[in-house]
Amino acid sequence: MRRKRIIVTSVLVAVIGVAAPLSLAFYLSSVRALQGEQDRLRLLAGYALERAHRSIASAGVALRSADALELAPCSEAHIQQLRRITITTRSIDDIGYLENGVLKCTSTGVEETRIAVAPADFTLANGMGIDFNLRPVVSGGKRMVGLTYRAHKVLIDPVRFSDVIVDSDIQMAVAIGKRGVLDTLHHPDPAMVQALLDGKPAAGGAAHDGSIHAMLYRDGLTAVMIEPRSKLHDRLRREQLLLLPMGMLMAAFIVGIVVWLSRRRLSLRGELETAVERREFFVHYQPIIALDTGVCVGAEALIRWRRPDGSMIRPDLFIPVAEESELILPITDQVIACVIADMRAALVADRALHIAINLCASDIETGRALDVLERLLDGTGIEAQQIWLEATERGFINVEAARATIEKARARGHAVAIDDFGTGYSSLSSLQNLPLDALKIDKSFVDTIGTDAATSSVTPHIIDMARTLNMLIVAEGIETQGQADYLRQRKVEFGQGWLFAKALPALDFLAFYAGRRLPSST
């Protein structure tokens, strides 16, 4: 079932690993294409607004010039000046003088007929009034935009507000705020323009009735740009040509990682499960030496795995997988069984000899292994104090649960040591709250003895801390005589490492132990 679950999970992850990057590439291509097209439309809208602002500003200058004239209204001189202003101002088509809502004269002369002028449709921030839909006689009924300031009014051809060059399929409208449209280009749908001005679609946004639009607001004017969605196709293809290869590379990378991990996990975990069922594990014993006498006082039981083809799998490869899959629990049980089978006679013959067994974090938290150990020791003649228990700092993360397990173990007679100290999660406060018997100095700190390494000063602090907490000290990984001498001088009780012996098969360890039961003559 576990093997099938790994295969199914790997396939699903691989499918997601392919689909996600490609989907993301398609999505980003669409977003970038739409954003790029809208940016282009906003750029064109900016040109239109600039043109419209110039027209209004120019008309405003003309109106203020007319207002500043100190001439009798509609006199010959006044009309001549109005004519001059009209000729010299490119943005206006005509200018007239109003009095009490009636047009009195224009740049072409005095009006003989009474022409009433309605109030402006809208007043700009600068005080000028604007009419959006004038159809004066002088223009032959053509729609004009009127701009009024005090007693003068100018007529502006609406085309001057949209006098920009754009593609024929791009529609445009220029409006005063959201109120009135000054002019349009290429006949946009008035309802769509008004809906956009009213903000019904998302501002600056997406497609509307199969079109793309962009809006730009500046100094009271709004430009609306609309184009068919089909204009996206070329830009979308360019974006896809850019992003899809990246998505495919990412998908290939993810699939490669999934295949690599699934093969590793599937093969190793599958073999590991089979190994547990076939009891392919055995134990080597790392001698523990009393540093002051050189006597071998015990050993640490180290798990080993030999495949049926005779190849050995390193513990650092299979133990993490075993811990992750909880196969570490039956493996621990097999280690206990191996220790009892290998060392029973020696332990019963010599009560001073002890064997240390490593417990995983789960067993420290639950105490499960203690019951297994008690059951397997029953009737063997081995005393509980001859079996030491070791746990790495990861097992002490849950301090309360760890304390309960340690207290239970010590109550049954086992000594408990913290392994690889200084490389994990423990703090001085947590150590103070745990009733531990021994502390094992990790090899990484022992290696710095006699060197200028930055951590070389840590070892004496660990020793002093252990002394303060009344713990026995075991130094791991001793490889040189200088390291052994340094530790002996600082009253470290025990050591283990290649200086004394590598981890040995059971028979070799018993032979080594027999030769190191007496104090060294050196």
Protein backbone atom coordinates (compact mmCIF):
# COMPACT_ATOMS: atom_id res chain seq x y z
CA MET A 1 0.00 0.00 0.00
CA ARG A 2 2.81 2.42 0.83
CA ARG A 3 4.51 1.67 -2.47
CA LYS A 4 1.28 2.24 -4.37
CA ARG A 5 0.69 5.49 -2.47
CA ILE A 6 4.14 6.75 -3.44
CA ILE A 7 3.55 5.93 -7.10
CA VAL A 8 0.12 7.59 -7.17
CA THR A 9 1.43 10.65 -5.33
CA SER A 10 4.41 10.95 -7.67
CA VAL A 11 2.19 10.75 -10.75
CA LEU A 12 -0.17 13.40 -9.36
CA VAL A 13 2.71 15.70 -8.43
CA ALA A 14 4.27 15.20 -11.87
CA VAL A 15 0.98 16.06 -13.59
CA ILE A 16 0.63 19.16 -11.43
CA GLY A 17 4.29 19.94 -12.05
CA VAL A 18 3.62 19.98 -15.80
CA ALA A 19 0.21 21.64 -15.72
CA ALA A 20 1.02 24.39 -13.24
CA PRO A 21 4.01 26.00 -15.06
CA LEU A 22 2.34 25.72 -18.48
CA SER A 23 -0.94 27.12 -17.15
CA LEU A 24 0.99 29.88 -15.45
CA ALA A 25 2.84 30.62 -18.69
CA PHE A 26 -0.45 30.84 -20.63
CA TYR A 27 -2.01 32.99 -17.93
CA LEU A 28 0.97 35.34 -17.69
CA SER A 29 1.10 35.57 -21.49
CA SER A 30 -2.54 36.64 -21.53
CA VAL A 31 -2.04 39.12 -18.70
CA ARG A 32 1.11 40.59 -20.22
CA ALA A 33 -0.49 40.84 -23.67
CA LEU A 34 -3.57 42.59 -22.27
CA GLN A 35 -1.43 44.85 -20.09
CA GLY A 36 0.85 45.69 -23.00
CA GLU A 37 -2.07 46.53 -25.29
CA GLN A 38 -3.69 48.66 -22.62
CA ASP A 39 -0.42 50.48 -22.04
CA ARG A 40 -0.33 51.26 -25.76
CA LEU A 41 -3.92 52.52 -25.64
CA ARG A 42 -3.14 54.66 -22.60
CA LEU A 43 -0.18 56.13 -24.44
CA LEU A 44 -2.48 57.10 -27.32
CA ALA A 45 -4.99 58.44 -24.80
CA GLY A 46 -2.25 60.61 -23.38
CA TYR A 47 -1.61 62.11 -26.81
CA ALA A 48 -5.34 62.81 -27.23
CA LEU A 49 -5.60 64.49 -23.83
CA GLU A 50 -2.56 66.60 -24.55
CA ARG A 51 -4.15 67.74 -27.84
CA ALA A 52 -7.49 68.48 -26.13
CA HIS A 53 -5.82 70.41 -23.30
CA ARG A 54 -3.89 72.50 -25.79
CA SER A 55 -7.10 73.31 -27.66
CA ILE A 56 -8.95 74.33 -24.51
CA ALA A 57 -5.97 76.31 -23.20
CA SER A 58 -5.62 78.11 -26.51
CA ALA A 59 -9.33 78.91 -26.56
CA GLY A 60 -9.07 80.17 -22.99
CA VAL A 61 -6.26 82.54 -23.97
CA ALA A 62 -8.42 83.85 -26.82
CA LEU A 63 -11.37 84.43 -24.49
CA ARG A 64 -9.29 86.26 -21.92
CA SER A 65 -7.71 88.40 -24.64
CA ALA A 66 -11.17 89.37 -25.85
CA ASP A 67 -12.34 90.05 -22.30
CA ALA A 68 -9.37 92.36 -21.75
CA LEU A 69 -10.25 94.57 -24.73
CA GLU A 70 -11.15 98.11 -23.66
CA LEU A 71 -13.33 98.84 -26.65
CA ALA A 72 -16.99 99.58 -27.09
CA PRO A 73 -18.74 96.26 -27.48
CA CYS A 74 -19.50 95.40 -31.10
CA SER A 75 -17.87 98.56 -32.37
CA GLU A 76 -15.91 98.33 -35.58
CA ALA A 77 -12.69 98.28 -33.60
CA HIS A 78 -14.05 95.60 -31.27
CA ILE A 79 -15.14 93.41 -34.18
CA GLN A 80 -11.75 93.91 -35.86
CA GLN A 81 -10.03 92.65 -32.71
CA LEU A 82 -12.36 89.66 -32.51
CA ARG A 83 -11.53 88.88 -36.13
CA ARG A 84 -7.81 89.11 -35.36
CA ILE A 85 -8.16 86.77 -32.38
CA THR A 86 -10.09 84.24 -34.50
CA ILE A 87 -7.52 84.30 -37.27
CA THR A 88 -4.51 83.98 -34.96
CA THR A 89 -5.99 81.25 -32.74
CA ARG A 90 -5.94 77.95 -34.60
CA SER A 91 -8.08 76.08 -32.10
CA ILE A 92 -11.20 78.27 -32.50
CA ASP A 93 -13.50 78.78 -35.46
CA ASP A 94 -15.34 81.89 -34.32
CA ILE A 95 -15.74 84.22 -31.36
CA GLY A 96 -18.72 86.32 -30.35
CA TYR A 97 -19.86 88.86 -27.78
CA LEU A 98 -22.88 88.14 -25.53
CA GLU A 99 -25.06 90.54 -23.67
CA ASN A 100 -27.91 89.44 -21.39
CA GLY A 101 -27.93 85.99 -22.97
CA VAL A 102 -28.15 87.31 -26.54
CA LEU A 103 -25.41 87.11 -29.18
CA LYS A 104 -24.67 90.70 -30.22
CA CYS A 105 -21.78 90.30 -32.63
CA THR A 106 -19.10 87.92 -33.86
CA SER A 107 -15.82 88.19 -35.67
CA THR A 108 -17.81 88.46 -38.89
CA GLY A 109 -19.85 91.47 -37.76
CA VAL A 110 -22.92 92.64 -35.87
CA GLU A 111 -25.79 90.13 -35.61
CA GLU A 112 -28.92 91.56 -37.15
CA THR A 113 -31.20 88.85 -35.81
CA ARG A 114 -31.79 88.06 -32.19
CA ILE A 115 -29.96 84.86 -31.26
CA ALA A 116 -30.52 83.72 -27.68
CA VAL A 117 -27.67 81.81 -26.06
CA ALA A 118 -28.54 79.21 -23.38
CA PRO A 119 -26.47 78.90 -20.21
CA ALA A 120 -23.41 76.62 -20.44
CA ASP A 121 -23.87 72.87 -19.95
CA PHE A 122 -20.94 72.65 -17.58
CA THR A 123 -18.54 75.02 -15.83
CA LEU A 124 -14.86 74.13 -15.79
CA ALA A 125 -12.61 74.58 -12.78
CA ASN A 126 -11.10 77.71 -14.35
CA GLY A 127 -14.53 79.37 -14.48
CA MET A 128 -15.18 78.89 -18.21
CA GLY A 129 -18.48 77.41 -19.28
CA ILE A 130 -18.70 74.70 -21.92
CA ASP A 131 -21.47 73.58 -24.26
CA PHE A 132 -21.14 70.11 -25.76
CA ASN A 133 -23.68 70.16 -28.55
CA LEU A 134 -24.07 73.50 -30.31
CA ARG A 135 -25.29 73.64 -33.90
CA PRO A 136 -24.99 77.31 -34.87
CA VAL A 137 -26.13 78.72 -38.22
CA VAL A 138 -22.60 79.84 -38.99
CA SER A 139 -21.42 76.22 -39.04
CA GLY A 140 -24.19 75.12 -41.32
CA GLY A 141 -25.73 72.96 -38.62
CA LYS A 142 -22.53 71.09 -37.90
CA ARG A 143 -22.02 70.17 -34.22
CA MET A 144 -19.67 72.58 -32.45
CA VAL A 145 -18.37 72.88 -28.90
CA GLY A 146 -18.80 76.24 -27.22
CA LEU A 147 -16.52 77.73 -24.57
CA THR A 148 -17.70 80.82 -22.67
CA TYR A 149 -15.88 83.29 -20.43
CA ARG A 150 -17.82 86.24 -19.13
CA ALA A 151 -19.22 88.13 -22.16
CA HIS A 152 -17.42 86.23 -24.90
CA LYS A 153 -17.96 82.80 -26.40
CA VAL A 154 -15.84 80.80 -28.88
CA LEU A 155 -16.86 77.97 -31.17
CA ILE A 156 -14.52 75.00 -31.52
CA ASP A 157 -14.73 72.25 -34.09
CA PRO A 158 -14.90 68.99 -31.98
CA VAL A 159 -12.32 67.35 -34.23
CA ARG A 160 -9.68 69.50 -32.56
CA PHE A 161 -10.17 67.45 -29.36
CA SER A 162 -9.36 64.16 -31.09
CA ASP A 163 -6.87 65.26 -33.68
CA VAL A 164 -4.44 62.34 -33.21
CA ILE A 165 -3.34 59.60 -35.59
CA VAL A 166 -4.44 56.11 -34.51
CA ASP A 167 -5.19 52.83 -36.29
CA SER A 168 -8.51 52.73 -38.08
CA ASP A 169 -9.86 50.00 -35.78
CA ILE A 170 -9.14 51.98 -32.62
CA GLN A 171 -12.09 54.03 -31.40
CA MET A 172 -11.66 57.03 -29.16
CA ALA A 173 -13.72 59.48 -27.15
CA VAL A 174 -12.60 62.59 -25.24
CA ALA A 175 -14.90 63.84 -22.49
CA ILE A 176 -15.07 66.43 -19.75
CA GLY A 177 -14.74 64.26 -16.65
CA LYS A 178 -17.60 61.79 -16.83
CA ARG A 179 -20.21 64.25 -18.02
CA GLY A 180 -20.03 65.20 -21.65
CA VAL A 181 -18.23 63.86 -24.69
CA LEU A 182 -16.29 66.52 -26.56
CA ASP A 183 -15.56 64.39 -29.61
CA THR A 184 -15.13 60.83 -30.83
CA LEU A 185 -12.99 59.13 -33.44
CA HIS A 186 -14.00 56.16 -35.60
CA HIS A 187 -17.55 56.11 -34.23
CA PRO A 188 -17.41 54.23 -30.89
CA ASP A 189 -20.68 52.92 -29.46
CA PRO A 190 -22.09 55.82 -27.37
CA ALA A 191 -23.60 53.42 -24.84
CA MET A 192 -20.27 51.68 -24.33
CA VAL A 193 -18.46 55.01 -23.98
CA GLN A 194 -20.95 56.22 -21.41
CA ALA A 195 -20.77 52.91 -19.51
CA LEU A 196 -17.00 53.21 -19.36
CA LEU A 197 -17.23 56.84 -18.22
CA ASP A 198 -19.70 55.80 -15.54
CA GLY A 199 -17.22 53.21 -14.30
CA LYS A 200 -19.47 50.18 -14.77
CA PRO A 201 -16.65 47.92 -16.07
CA ALA A 202 -13.45 47.66 -14.03
CA ALA A 203 -11.56 50.93 -14.34
CA GLY A 204 -8.57 50.77 -16.64
CA GLY A 205 -9.63 47.26 -17.25
CA ALA A 206 -10.51 44.21 -19.11
CA ALA A 207 -12.62 43.22 -22.08
CA HIS A 208 -16.06 44.66 -22.62
CA ASP A 209 -18.33 43.16 -25.25
CA GLY A 210 -15.41 41.54 -27.02
CA SER A 211 -13.29 44.68 -26.93
CA ILE A 212 -10.34 46.00 -24.97
CA HIS A 213 -10.44 49.43 -23.47
CA ALA A 214 -8.24 51.80 -21.53
CA MET A 215 -9.09 55.08 -19.86
CA LEU A 216 -6.89 57.99 -18.88
CA TYR A 217 -7.99 60.93 -16.71
CA ARG A 218 -5.96 64.11 -16.53
CA ASP A 219 -6.84 67.63 -15.33
CA GLY A 220 -10.58 67.26 -15.77
CA LEU A 221 -10.49 65.49 -19.13
CA THR A 222 -10.98 61.78 -19.80
CA ALA A 223 -9.85 59.86 -22.87
CA VAL A 224 -11.49 56.50 -23.62
CA MET A 225 -9.75 54.13 -26.04
CA ILE A 226 -11.48 51.02 -27.42
CA GLU A 227 -10.19 48.38 -29.81
CA PRO A 228 -11.24 44.85 -30.88
CA ARG A 229 -9.97 42.00 -28.77
CA SER A 230 -8.58 40.44 -31.94
CA LYS A 231 -5.77 43.01 -31.73
CA LEU A 232 -4.37 40.92 -28.86
CA HIS A 233 -3.55 37.92 -31.03
CA ASP A 234 -0.18 39.07 -32.36
CA ARG A 235 0.96 40.40 -29.01
CA LEU A 236 -0.30 37.25 -27.25
CA ARG A 237 1.69 35.04 -29.64
CA ARG A 238 4.83 37.04 -28.94
CA GLU A 239 4.33 36.71 -25.19
CA GLN A 240 3.67 32.98 -25.50
CA LEU A 241 6.82 32.50 -27.57
CA LEU A 242 8.69 34.18 -24.73
CA LEU A 243 7.05 32.52 -21.71
CA LEU A 244 6.06 29.04 -22.89
CA PRO A 245 9.66 27.81 -23.29
CA MET A 246 10.33 29.01 -19.74
CA GLY A 247 7.21 27.19 -18.55
CA MET A 248 8.28 24.02 -20.36
CA LEU A 249 11.76 24.20 -18.82
CA MET A 250 10.23 24.66 -15.38
CA ALA A 251 7.84 21.75 -15.98
CA ALA A 252 10.71 19.54 -17.13
CA PHE A 253 12.72 20.52 -14.06
CA ILE A 254 9.82 19.74 -11.70
CA VAL A 255 9.13 16.40 -13.38
CA GLY A 256 12.82 15.55 -13.18
CA ILE A 257 12.89 16.34 -9.46
CA VAL A 258 9.70 14.32 -8.87
CA VAL A 259 11.08 11.34 -10.77
CA TRP A 260 14.39 11.53 -8.93
CA LEU A 261 12.76 11.85 -5.50
CA SER A 262 10.13 9.20 -6.17
CA ARG A 263 12.72 6.73 -7.40
CA ARG A 264 14.88 7.37 -4.39
CA ARG A 265 12.00 7.23 -1.94
CA LEU A 266 10.23 4.39 -3.67
CA SER A 267 13.28 2.18 -3.96
CA LEU A 268 14.77 2.98 -0.56
CA ARG A 269 11.53 3.01 1.36
CA GLY A 270 10.28 -0.10 -0.38
CA GLU A 271 13.52 -1.94 0.31
CA LEU A 272 13.50 -0.62 3.86
CA GLU A 273 10.04 -2.01 4.51
CA THR A 274 11.12 -5.35 3.06
CA ALA A 275 14.27 -5.25 5.20
CA VAL A 276 12.18 -4.81 8.34
CA GLU A 277 10.03 -7.76 7.39
CA ARG A 278 13.09 -9.92 6.64
CA ARG A 279 15.05 -8.68 9.70
CA GLU A 280 18.04 -7.67 7.60
CA PHE A 281 19.40 -5.34 10.29
CA PHE A 282 22.23 -6.12 12.66
CA VAL A 283 24.33 -4.20 15.16
CA HIS A 284 27.92 -3.05 15.39
CA TYR A 285 29.33 -1.91 18.72
CA GLN A 286 31.36 1.29 19.21
CA PRO A 287 33.52 0.76 22.32
CA ILE A 288 33.23 3.28 25.15
CA ILE A 289 36.50 3.84 27.02
CA ALA A 290 37.13 5.23 30.51
CA LEU A 291 39.64 7.97 29.63
CA ASP A 292 41.47 7.90 32.97
CA THR A 293 42.20 4.12 32.88
CA GLY A 294 41.77 3.06 29.25
CA VAL A 295 39.33 0.35 30.34
CA CYS A 296 36.46 -0.52 27.99
CA VAL A 297 33.30 -0.02 30.05
CA GLY A 298 30.70 -0.55 27.38
CA ALA A 299 29.63 0.18 23.84
CA GLU A 300 27.12 2.10 21.79
CA ALA A 301 24.89 -0.13 19.62
CA LEU A 302 24.89 1.16 16.04
CA ILE A 303 22.39 -0.10 13.48
CA ARG A 304 23.67 -1.60 10.23
CA TRP A 305 21.78 -2.80 7.13
CA ARG A 306 23.09 -5.31 4.65
CA ARG A 307 21.04 -5.95 1.53
CA PRO A 308 20.55 -9.51 0.28
CA ASP A 309 23.14 -8.85 -2.42
CA GLY A 310 25.71 -8.09 0.29
CA SER A 311 25.84 -4.31 -0.25
CA MET A 312 25.70 -2.08 2.83
CA ILE A 313 23.44 0.97 3.13
CA ARG A 314 24.82 3.83 5.19
CA PRO A 315 22.73 4.73 8.28
CA ASP A 316 22.67 8.41 7.30
CA LEU A 317 20.76 7.38 4.16
CA PHE A 318 18.14 5.03 5.55
CA ILE A 319 17.56 6.32 9.09
CA PRO A 320 15.93 9.63 7.97
CA VAL A 321 13.63 7.65 5.67
CA ALA A 322 12.88 5.22 8.48
CA GLU A 323 12.06 8.07 10.85
CA GLU A 324 9.83 9.75 8.29
CA SER A 325 7.91 6.55 7.57
CA GLU A 326 7.86 5.37 11.23
CA LEU A 327 9.74 2.24 10.21
CA ILE A 328 12.26 3.40 12.80
CA LEU A 329 10.03 1.89 15.49
CA PRO A 330 10.28 -1.77 14.40
CA ILE A 331 13.94 -1.15 13.53
CA THR A 332 14.55 0.01 17.12
CA ASP A 333 12.84 -3.14 18.36
CA GLN A 334 15.18 -5.24 16.20
CA VAL A 335 18.22 -3.36 17.58
CA ILE A 336 17.11 -4.17 21.13
CA ALA A 337 16.62 -7.81 20.19
CA CYS A 338 20.07 -7.93 18.52
CA VAL A 339 21.78 -6.38 21.56
CA ILE A 340 20.20 -8.93 23.89
CA ALA A 341 21.09 -11.82 21.59
CA ASP A 342 24.69 -10.61 21.03
CA MET A 343 25.59 -9.35 24.49
CA ARG A 344 23.49 -11.36 26.92
CA ALA A 345 26.25 -13.64 28.11
CA ALA A 346 28.79 -10.82 28.47
CA LEU A 347 26.35 -8.55 30.30
CA VAL A 348 25.32 -11.28 32.72
CA ALA A 349 28.99 -12.20 33.35
CA ASP A 350 30.13 -8.60 33.94
CA ARG A 351 27.68 -6.26 35.64
CA ALA A 352 30.04 -3.31 35.02
CA LEU A 353 29.53 -3.61 31.27
CA HIS A 354 26.80 -1.52 29.67
CA ILE A 355 25.40 -1.12 26.16
CA ALA A 356 23.88 2.19 24.98
CA ILE A 357 20.87 2.02 22.64
CA ASN A 358 19.68 4.99 20.62
CA LEU A 359 15.98 5.91 20.77
CA CYS A 360 14.21 7.98 18.12
CA ALA A 361 12.35 11.19 18.89
CA SER A 362 9.00 9.41 18.69
CA ASP A 363 10.00 6.85 21.32
CA ILE A 364 11.29 9.58 23.63
CA GLU A 365 8.00 11.41 23.30
CA THR A 366 5.76 8.36 23.78
CA GLY A 367 7.91 6.02 25.90
CA ARG A 368 6.88 3.09 23.68
CA ALA A 369 10.37 1.59 23.51
CA LEU A 370 10.57 1.29 27.31
CA ASP A 371 7.81 -1.30 27.34
CA VAL A 372 9.44 -3.17 24.44
CA LEU A 373 12.76 -3.14 26.29
CA GLU A 374 11.20 -4.35 29.53
CA ARG A 375 9.44 -7.19 27.75
CA LEU A 376 12.56 -8.34 25.86
CA LEU A 377 14.81 -8.09 28.95
CA ASP A 378 12.46 -10.14 31.07
CA GLY A 379 14.06 -13.45 31.98
CA THR A 380 17.42 -12.69 30.33
CA GLY A 381 19.33 -11.94 33.52
CA ILE A 382 20.42 -8.58 32.13
CA GLU A 383 19.93 -5.77 34.63
CA ALA A 384 18.22 -2.56 33.55
CA GLN A 385 21.19 -0.39 34.62
CA GLN A 386 23.31 -2.21 32.03
CA ILE A 387 21.20 -0.76 29.21
CA TRP A 388 21.77 2.94 28.68
CA LEU A 389 19.39 4.93 26.52
CA GLU A 390 20.53 7.73 24.23
CA ALA A 391 18.45 10.30 22.38
CA THR A 392 19.39 13.23 20.17
CA GLU A 393 18.25 16.73 21.04
CA ARG A 394 15.37 16.48 18.56
CA GLY A 395 13.72 14.05 20.95
CA PHE A 396 13.58 16.73 23.66
CA ILE A 397 11.58 19.35 21.75
CA ASN A 398 8.48 18.39 23.74
CA VAL A 399 10.08 18.85 27.13
CA GLU A 400 7.13 17.65 29.20
CA ALA A 401 6.72 14.40 27.26
CA ALA A 402 10.49 13.82 27.26
CA ARG A 403 10.68 14.35 31.02
CA ALA A 404 7.93 11.78 31.60
CA THR A 405 9.77 9.19 29.48
CA ILE A 406 13.15 9.90 31.10
CA GLU A 407 11.72 9.67 34.60
CA LYS A 408 10.05 6.39 33.70
CA ALA A 409 13.28 5.00 32.25
CA ARG A 410 15.36 6.02 35.27
CA ALA A 411 12.75 4.59 37.61
CA ARG A 412 13.26 1.24 35.89
CA GLY A 413 17.03 1.52 36.32
CA HIS A 414 18.19 2.81 32.90
CA ALA A 415 20.63 5.67 32.56
CA VAL A 416 19.66 8.29 29.95
CA ALA A 417 22.10 10.35 27.90
CA ILE A 418 21.63 13.22 25.48
CA ASP A 419 23.44 12.41 22.22
CA ASP A 420 25.21 14.78 19.79
CA PHE A 421 24.80 17.66 22.19
CA GLY A 422 25.11 21.14 20.70
CA THR A 423 23.90 20.26 17.21
CA GLY A 424 20.16 20.41 17.76
CA TYR A 425 17.44 22.21 19.66
CA SER A 426 18.36 21.97 23.34
CA SER A 427 18.99 24.96 25.51
CA LEU A 428 20.46 25.17 28.98
CA SER A 429 17.00 25.77 30.44
CA SER A 430 15.60 22.60 28.83
CA LEU A 431 18.57 20.55 30.02
CA GLN A 432 18.06 21.83 33.54
CA ASN A 433 14.48 20.59 33.42
CA LEU A 434 15.40 17.09 32.22
CA PRO A 435 16.72 14.46 34.68
CA LEU A 436 19.54 13.26 32.42
CA ASP A 437 22.46 11.12 33.55
CA ALA A 438 25.01 11.79 30.84
CA LEU A 439 25.88 14.22 28.06
CA LYS A 440 27.66 13.18 24.87
CA ILE A 441 29.84 15.83 23.23
CA ASP A 442 29.35 15.72 19.47
CA LYS A 443 32.31 14.85 17.23
CA SER A 444 32.09 18.24 15.50
CA PHE A 445 33.22 19.90 18.75
CA VAL A 446 35.85 17.29 19.56
CA ASP A 447 37.36 17.88 16.10
CA THR A 448 38.09 21.51 17.02
CA ILE A 449 40.26 20.63 20.01
CA GLY A 450 43.75 22.09 19.51
CA THR A 451 42.67 24.10 16.45
CA ASP A 452 41.88 27.75 15.79
CA ALA A 453 38.33 26.96 14.69
CA ALA A 454 35.64 29.43 15.76
CA THR A 455 33.89 26.70 17.78
CA SER A 456 37.03 25.47 19.56
CA SER A 457 36.03 27.36 22.69
CA VAL A 458 32.64 25.64 22.85
CA THR A 459 33.96 22.29 24.12
CA PRO A 460 35.18 23.56 27.53
CA HIS A 461 31.86 25.37 28.02
CA ILE A 462 29.95 22.15 27.33
CA ILE A 463 32.16 20.32 29.83
CA ASP A 464 31.62 23.01 32.49
CA MET A 465 27.85 22.96 31.87
CA ALA A 466 27.70 19.17 32.24
CA ARG A 467 29.67 19.43 35.48
CA THR A 468 27.23 22.06 36.77
CA LEU A 469 24.31 19.72 36.02
CA ASN A 470 26.12 16.72 37.60
CA MET A 471 26.17 14.74 34.37
CA LEU A 472 28.64 12.16 33.21
CA ILE A 473 30.40 13.16 29.98
CA VAL A 474 31.07 11.00 26.95
CA ALA A 475 33.16 12.51 24.12
CA GLU A 476 32.42 11.18 20.64
CA GLY A 477 34.72 10.93 17.65
CA ILE A 478 38.11 10.96 19.40
CA GLU A 479 40.70 10.36 16.68
CA THR A 480 43.97 11.70 18.07
CA GLN A 481 45.91 11.25 21.26
CA GLY A 482 45.97 15.00 21.70
CA GLN A 483 42.20 15.09 21.83
CA ALA A 484 42.15 12.25 24.36
CA ASP A 485 44.75 13.98 26.54
CA TYR A 486 42.85 17.28 26.42
CA LEU A 487 39.62 15.59 27.49
CA ARG A 488 41.34 13.51 30.18
CA GLN A 489 42.93 16.63 31.66
CA ARG A 490 39.47 18.15 31.94
CA LYS A 491 38.12 15.11 33.78
CA VAL A 492 35.87 13.89 30.98
CA GLU A 493 34.94 10.39 32.08
CA PHE A 494 34.38 8.50 28.85
CA GLY A 495 35.32 8.63 25.19
CA GLN A 496 34.73 6.75 21.98
CA GLY A 497 36.25 7.06 18.55
CA TRP A 498 38.67 5.62 16.04
CA LEU A 499 41.63 6.29 18.34
CA PHE A 500 40.39 3.32 20.37
CA ALA A 501 38.39 1.29 17.83
CA LYS A 502 35.90 1.59 15.06
CA ALA A 503 32.41 0.19 15.46
CA LEU A 504 32.92 -3.60 15.62
CA PRO A 505 30.79 -6.68 14.91
CA ALA A 506 29.59 -8.41 18.07
CA LEU A 507 32.34 -11.08 18.23
CA ASP A 508 35.09 -8.55 17.47
CA PHE A 509 33.80 -6.24 20.16
CA LEU A 510 33.73 -9.03 22.73
CA ALA A 511 37.35 -9.82 21.85
CA PHE A 512 38.28 -6.13 22.12
CA TYR A 513 36.45 -5.88 25.44
CA ALA A 514 38.26 -8.91 26.82
CA GLY A 515 41.57 -7.22 26.04
CA ARG A 516 40.60 -3.88 27.58
CA ARG A 517 39.07 -4.99 30.87
CA LEU A 518 42.16 -4.00 32.80
CA PRO A 519 43.63 -0.51 33.17
CA SER A 520 46.15 0.46 30.47
CA SER A 521 49.81 0.38 31.46
CA THR A 522 50.41 3.68 29.65
